[in-house]
Amino acid sequence: MTLERWLRVITGVLILITLALAFYFEDDFWLIITAILGFNLFQSGLTNWCPIMATLKVLGLDKKG
């Protein structure tokens, strides 16, 4: 998978997990994390830089295919 696909999968899973935790624990803290993830996606769309992508590159997942 490409880095962009890894980013979408990881971020989507994290958003779903934090939404489920917010629903289960009825705690707004988890929604703050969800908002941070959403803002990170927004800024990565504008700047083409994302901390998750930098981490994936270090892990060697930046190969095409």
C-alpha atoms as a PDB file:
ATOM      1  CA  MET A   1       0.000   0.000   0.000  1.00  0.00           C
ATOM      2  CA  THR A   2       1.060   3.559  -0.555  1.00  0.00           C
ATOM      3  CA  LEU A   3       1.662   6.021   2.273  1.00  0.00           C
ATOM      4  CA  GLU A   4      -1.561   7.841   1.507  1.00  0.00           C
ATOM      5  CA  ARG A   5      -3.576   4.635   1.852  1.00  0.00           C
ATOM      6  CA  TRP A   6      -1.810   3.753   5.103  1.00  0.00           C
ATOM      7  CA  LEU A   7      -2.581   7.252   6.386  1.00  0.00           C
ATOM      8  CA  ARG A   8      -6.273   6.923   5.513  1.00  0.00           C
ATOM      9  CA  VAL A   9      -6.557   3.480   7.116  1.00  0.00           C
ATOM     10  CA  ILE A  10      -4.747   4.423  10.331  1.00  0.00           C
ATOM     11  CA  THR A  11      -6.560   7.734  10.759  1.00  0.00           C
ATOM     12  CA  GLY A  12      -9.935   6.189   9.972  1.00  0.00           C
ATOM     13  CA  VAL A  13      -9.397   3.441  12.531  1.00  0.00           C
ATOM     14  CA  LEU A  14      -8.254   5.944  15.173  1.00  0.00           C
ATOM     15  CA  ILE A  15     -11.287   8.161  14.550  1.00  0.00           C
ATOM     16  CA  LEU A  16     -13.665   5.205  14.829  1.00  0.00           C
ATOM     17  CA  ILE A  17     -11.965   4.022  18.038  1.00  0.00           C
ATOM     18  CA  THR A  18     -12.127   7.459  19.678  1.00  0.00           C
ATOM     19  CA  LEU A  19     -15.784   7.877  18.683  1.00  0.00           C
ATOM     20  CA  ALA A  20     -16.612   4.464  20.146  1.00  0.00           C
ATOM     21  CA  LEU A  21     -14.755   5.317  23.364  1.00  0.00           C
ATOM     22  CA  ALA A  22     -16.578   8.653  23.613  1.00  0.00           C
ATOM     23  CA  PHE A  23     -19.905   6.849  23.221  1.00  0.00           C
ATOM     24  CA  TYR A  24     -19.027   4.028  25.628  1.00  0.00           C
ATOM     25  CA  PHE A  25     -17.498   6.146  28.410  1.00  0.00           C
ATOM     26  CA  GLU A  26     -19.670   9.228  27.754  1.00  0.00           C
ATOM     27  CA  ASP A  27     -16.563  11.386  28.057  1.00  0.00           C
ATOM     28  CA  ASP A  28     -15.863  14.414  25.856  1.00  0.00           C
ATOM     29  CA  PHE A  29     -12.107  13.873  26.158  1.00  0.00           C
ATOM     30  CA  TRP A  30     -12.250  11.299  23.365  1.00  0.00           C
ATOM     31  CA  LEU A  31     -14.009  13.777  21.088  1.00  0.00           C
ATOM     32  CA  ILE A  32     -11.123  16.206  21.599  1.00  0.00           C
ATOM     33  CA  ILE A  33      -8.756  13.528  20.271  1.00  0.00           C
ATOM     34  CA  THR A  34     -11.112  12.970  17.330  1.00  0.00           C
ATOM     35  CA  ALA A  35     -11.029  16.714  16.602  1.00  0.00           C
ATOM     36  CA  ILE A  36      -7.220  16.715  16.749  1.00  0.00           C
ATOM     37  CA  LEU A  37      -7.118  13.854  14.236  1.00  0.00           C
ATOM     38  CA  GLY A  38      -9.504  15.735  11.944  1.00  0.00           C
ATOM     39  CA  PHE A  39      -7.465  18.931  12.196  1.00  0.00           C
ATOM     40  CA  ASN A  40      -4.305  16.953  11.441  1.00  0.00           C
ATOM     41  CA  LEU A  41      -5.904  15.600   8.255  1.00  0.00           C
ATOM     42  CA  PHE A  42      -6.917  19.140   7.299  1.00  0.00           C
ATOM     43  CA  GLN A  43      -3.430  20.593   7.805  1.00  0.00           C
ATOM     44  CA  SER A  44      -1.779  17.652   6.026  1.00  0.00           C
ATOM     45  CA  GLY A  45      -3.989  18.361   3.017  1.00  0.00           C
ATOM     46  CA  LEU A  46      -2.713  21.932   2.950  1.00  0.00           C
ATOM     47  CA  THR A  47       0.949  21.357   3.823  1.00  0.00           C
ATOM     48  CA  ASN A  48       1.501  17.809   2.483  1.00  0.00           C
ATOM     49  CA  TRP A  49       3.147  16.873   5.812  1.00  0.00           C
ATOM     50  CA  CYS A  50       1.727  14.580   8.474  1.00  0.00           C
ATOM     51  CA  PRO A  51       3.373  13.084  11.584  1.00  0.00           C
ATOM     52  CA  ILE A  52       1.861   9.674  10.831  1.00  0.00           C
ATOM     53  CA  MET A  53       3.390   9.695   7.338  1.00  0.00           C
ATOM     54  CA  ALA A  54       6.788  10.631   8.771  1.00  0.00           C
ATOM     55  CA  THR A  55       6.513   7.708  11.189  1.00  0.00           C
ATOM     56  CA  LEU A  56       5.492   5.324   8.405  1.00  0.00           C
ATOM     57  CA  LYS A  57       8.523   6.398   6.367  1.00  0.00           C
ATOM     58  CA  VAL A  58      10.797   5.622   9.323  1.00  0.00           C
ATOM     59  CA  LEU A  59       9.163   2.194   9.588  1.00  0.00           C
ATOM     60  CA  GLY A  60       9.950   1.575   5.907  1.00  0.00           C
ATOM     61  CA  LEU A  61       6.365   1.539   4.607  1.00  0.00           C
ATOM     62  CA  ASP A  62       6.966   4.173   1.923  1.00  0.00           C
ATOM     63  CA  LYS A  63       7.473   1.643  -0.855  1.00  0.00           C
ATOM     64  CA  LYS A  64       4.990   1.683  -3.719  1.00  0.00           C
ATOM     65  CA  GLY A  65       2.744  -1.248  -4.428  1.00  0.00           C
END
